[in-house]
Protein backbone atom coordinates (compact mmCIF):
# COMPACT_ATOMS: atom_id res chain seq x y z
CA MET A 1 -31.65 -31.03 -77.53
CA HIS A 2 -29.58 -33.85 -76.07
CA VAL A 3 -25.83 -33.33 -76.64
CA GLY A 4 -23.28 -36.01 -75.81
CA LEU A 5 -19.99 -34.70 -74.43
CA LEU A 6 -17.20 -37.16 -75.18
CA ALA A 7 -14.77 -36.36 -72.36
CA CYS A 8 -11.27 -37.37 -73.40
CA ASP A 9 -9.67 -35.76 -70.35
CA GLU A 10 -10.67 -33.42 -67.55
CA VAL A 11 -9.59 -30.01 -66.39
CA ALA A 12 -6.85 -30.32 -63.78
CA GLU A 13 -8.25 -30.02 -60.25
CA ARG A 14 -6.09 -26.96 -59.49
CA PHE A 15 -7.85 -25.03 -62.31
CA ARG A 16 -11.47 -26.09 -61.78
CA HIS A 17 -12.19 -23.14 -59.48
CA ILE A 18 -11.85 -20.86 -62.53
CA ALA A 19 -14.64 -22.26 -64.71
CA GLY A 20 -15.34 -25.80 -63.52
CA GLY A 21 -14.79 -28.96 -65.53
CA TYR A 22 -15.51 -29.55 -69.19
CA GLN A 23 -19.19 -30.30 -68.58
CA GLN A 24 -19.76 -27.01 -66.76
CA MET A 25 -17.84 -25.05 -69.39
CA PHE A 26 -19.80 -26.54 -72.30
CA GLU A 27 -23.11 -26.09 -70.48
CA ARG A 28 -22.34 -22.37 -70.00
CA LEU A 29 -21.18 -22.04 -73.61
CA LEU A 30 -24.16 -23.81 -75.20
CA SER A 31 -27.11 -23.08 -72.88
CA PRO A 32 -27.76 -19.52 -74.13
CA HIS A 33 -27.96 -20.84 -77.71
CA VAL A 34 -29.69 -24.19 -77.19
CA PRO A 35 -32.95 -23.85 -75.22
CA GLY A 36 -33.66 -26.98 -73.19
CA LEU A 37 -30.10 -28.26 -73.55
CA ARG A 38 -29.42 -31.61 -71.92
CA LEU A 39 -25.69 -32.36 -71.84
CA THR A 40 -24.58 -35.89 -70.99
CA ARG A 41 -20.92 -36.51 -70.23
CA PHE A 42 -19.34 -39.79 -71.36
CA ASP A 43 -15.95 -40.50 -69.79
CA VAL A 44 -14.28 -41.87 -72.92
CA GLN A 45 -10.85 -41.94 -71.29
CA ALA A 46 -12.18 -44.32 -68.63
CA GLY A 47 -13.77 -46.58 -71.26
CA GLY A 48 -17.21 -44.95 -71.21
CA THR A 49 -17.54 -44.67 -74.99
CA PRO A 50 -21.23 -44.83 -75.99
CA ALA A 51 -22.36 -47.80 -78.05
CA ASP A 52 -24.92 -45.98 -80.21
CA ALA A 53 -24.25 -42.79 -82.20
CA ARG A 54 -28.00 -42.05 -82.22
CA MET A 55 -28.46 -41.91 -78.44
CA CYS A 56 -27.80 -38.14 -78.54
CA ASP A 57 -28.89 -35.48 -81.01
CA ALA A 58 -25.33 -34.18 -81.45
CA TRP A 59 -21.81 -34.83 -80.15
CA ILE A 60 -18.90 -32.71 -78.89
CA THR A 61 -15.44 -34.02 -78.09
CA THR A 62 -13.11 -32.31 -75.62
CA GLY A 63 -9.40 -31.78 -75.65
CA SER A 64 -6.92 -34.15 -74.02
CA ARG A 65 -3.34 -34.31 -72.85
CA ALA A 66 -3.06 -37.53 -74.88
CA SER A 67 -2.17 -37.69 -78.57
CA VAL A 68 -4.56 -39.36 -81.01
CA TYR A 69 -1.70 -41.53 -82.26
CA ASP A 70 -0.92 -42.88 -78.76
CA ASP A 71 -1.41 -46.63 -78.46
CA ALA A 72 -4.28 -46.59 -75.98
CA GLY A 73 -7.42 -48.69 -76.13
CA TRP A 74 -9.70 -45.80 -75.18
CA ILE A 75 -8.40 -43.76 -78.15
CA ARG A 76 -9.05 -46.62 -80.59
CA GLY A 77 -12.53 -46.98 -79.04
CA ALA A 78 -13.12 -43.25 -79.52
CA GLU A 79 -12.06 -43.52 -83.19
CA THR A 80 -14.52 -46.37 -83.69
CA PHE A 81 -17.29 -44.30 -82.14
CA VAL A 82 -16.48 -41.20 -84.20
CA ARG A 83 -16.69 -43.40 -87.32
CA LYS A 84 -20.19 -44.46 -86.18
CA VAL A 85 -21.16 -40.80 -85.76
CA ALA A 86 -19.74 -39.94 -89.21
CA ASP A 87 -21.81 -42.76 -90.70
CA SER A 88 -24.96 -41.59 -88.87
CA ASP A 89 -27.07 -38.47 -89.31
CA ARG A 90 -25.79 -36.83 -86.10
CA PRO A 91 -23.71 -33.63 -85.98
CA PHE A 92 -20.24 -33.80 -84.43
CA VAL A 93 -17.87 -31.05 -83.28
CA GLY A 94 -14.35 -32.05 -82.33
CA ILE A 95 -12.35 -29.49 -80.37
CA CYS A 96 -8.55 -29.73 -80.03
CA PHE A 97 -7.97 -33.47 -79.40
CA GLY A 98 -11.49 -34.01 -80.81
CA HIS A 99 -10.50 -32.09 -83.97
CA GLN A 100 -7.46 -34.32 -84.36
CA LEU A 101 -9.50 -37.45 -83.57
CA LEU A 102 -12.07 -36.56 -86.23
CA ALA A 103 -9.35 -35.87 -88.81
CA ARG A 104 -7.52 -39.13 -88.06
CA THR A 105 -10.78 -41.11 -88.14
CA LEU A 106 -11.46 -39.66 -91.59
CA GLY A 107 -7.99 -40.68 -92.81
CA ALA A 108 -5.88 -37.53 -92.27
CA GLU A 109 -2.44 -37.47 -90.72
CA VAL A 110 -1.95 -36.08 -87.22
CA LYS A 111 1.58 -35.57 -85.97
CA ARG A 112 3.74 -33.53 -83.64
CA ALA A 113 3.97 -29.93 -84.90
CA PRO A 114 7.44 -29.31 -86.36
CA GLY A 115 7.56 -25.83 -84.80
CA GLY A 116 6.75 -27.12 -81.31
CA TRP A 117 3.86 -26.08 -79.11
CA GLY A 118 1.23 -23.62 -80.26
CA VAL A 119 0.43 -21.69 -77.09
CA GLY A 120 -1.52 -18.51 -76.42
CA VAL A 121 -4.12 -16.37 -78.12
CA LEU A 122 -3.05 -16.50 -81.75
CA PRO A 123 -4.57 -15.40 -85.07
CA MET A 124 -6.44 -17.81 -87.33
CA LYS A 125 -7.21 -16.83 -90.93
CA VAL A 126 -10.65 -17.77 -92.25
CA VAL A 127 -10.07 -19.20 -95.74
CA ARG A 128 -13.67 -20.19 -96.38
CA ARG A 129 -16.60 -18.50 -94.68
CA GLU A 130 -19.72 -20.48 -93.83
CA ASP A 131 -23.13 -18.92 -93.07
CA TRP A 132 -22.91 -19.92 -89.39
CA MET A 133 -19.71 -17.88 -88.94
CA THR A 134 -21.00 -14.68 -87.42
CA PRO A 135 -19.84 -12.06 -87.34
CA ALA A 136 -18.01 -12.51 -90.66
CA LEU A 137 -14.36 -11.80 -89.91
CA PRO A 138 -11.30 -12.50 -92.07
CA THR A 139 -9.21 -13.33 -89.00
CA VAL A 140 -10.15 -14.39 -85.49
CA ARG A 141 -8.01 -14.99 -82.45
CA MET A 142 -8.10 -18.43 -80.89
CA GLN A 143 -6.80 -19.80 -77.61
CA TYR A 144 -4.26 -22.49 -78.51
CA MET A 145 -2.48 -25.08 -76.37
CA HIS A 146 -1.36 -27.98 -78.52
CA ALA A 147 1.74 -29.83 -79.67
CA ASP A 148 0.03 -32.01 -82.30
CA GLN A 149 -1.62 -30.88 -85.50
CA VAL A 150 -3.59 -32.06 -88.49
CA THR A 151 -1.25 -31.62 -91.46
CA GLU A 152 -3.90 -31.58 -94.24
CA PRO A 153 -7.69 -31.82 -94.19
CA PRO A 154 -9.12 -35.32 -94.64
CA ASP A 155 -10.11 -36.28 -98.20
CA GLY A 156 -13.47 -34.73 -98.98
CA ALA A 157 -13.19 -32.11 -96.22
CA THR A 158 -13.25 -28.34 -96.67
CA LEU A 159 -10.52 -26.28 -95.03
CA LEU A 160 -12.20 -23.39 -93.20
CA SER A 161 -9.26 -21.78 -91.43
CA GLU A 162 -5.50 -21.93 -91.05
CA ALA A 163 -2.85 -20.40 -88.83
CA PRO A 164 0.90 -19.94 -89.24
CA HIS A 165 1.57 -22.62 -86.59
CA CYS A 166 -1.41 -24.82 -87.52
CA PRO A 167 -2.14 -25.54 -91.22
CA VAL A 168 -5.59 -27.02 -90.50
CA ALA A 169 -7.06 -24.90 -87.72
CA MET A 170 -10.66 -25.72 -88.70
CA PHE A 171 -12.26 -28.03 -91.25
CA GLN A 172 -15.71 -29.28 -92.15
CA TRP A 173 -16.54 -32.68 -93.60
CA GLY A 174 -19.99 -32.72 -95.13
CA PRO A 175 -22.73 -30.67 -93.49
CA ARG A 176 -22.46 -32.24 -90.00
CA LEU A 177 -18.82 -32.82 -88.99
CA LEU A 178 -16.62 -29.97 -87.78
CA GLY A 179 -13.10 -29.98 -86.39
CA ILE A 180 -11.76 -26.91 -84.55
CA GLU A 181 -8.24 -26.84 -83.12
CA ARG A 182 -9.27 -24.52 -80.26
CA MET A 183 -11.96 -22.21 -78.95
CA LEU A 184 -12.72 -18.72 -80.21
CA VAL A 185 -11.53 -15.70 -78.26
CA ARG A 186 -11.89 -13.03 -81.02
């Protein structure tokens, strides 16, 4: 399987000794579950947005220090590409900034969280369980580090989880598009 990694930032150099950059982290995360994984990194922040949504079998978008509502050309280019993916038959998982980018692309509002930063390992309540959520848990703990949030799921999306500091912690739009505010810790 060929997965495109839309890199919207990179891990700060001073932290890369811990687990590497985003590409290394996602390779370690996905390789045990995706035999023959080929992960291609696209530096979206540097203008490396792919032209064709079908050039990879699936897409993942990383976090970023930027906000999806910032007036930056690379962010508008990323929105255009995510729209192409949404209109294609390819799966897409947006994580953190990618979650917010997907939501905004689909018409939802993203804004600064009124309660300030969500930081740390915090609980997330599962409000709708999907078959792929294993083990089935009513609450999971997620690693959060964000100041922005999706305020409501996009029209047509299903809210999957929420948290006290993050009303849309995870949503699904159709069978292929998933937005997750952060990564699972349990």
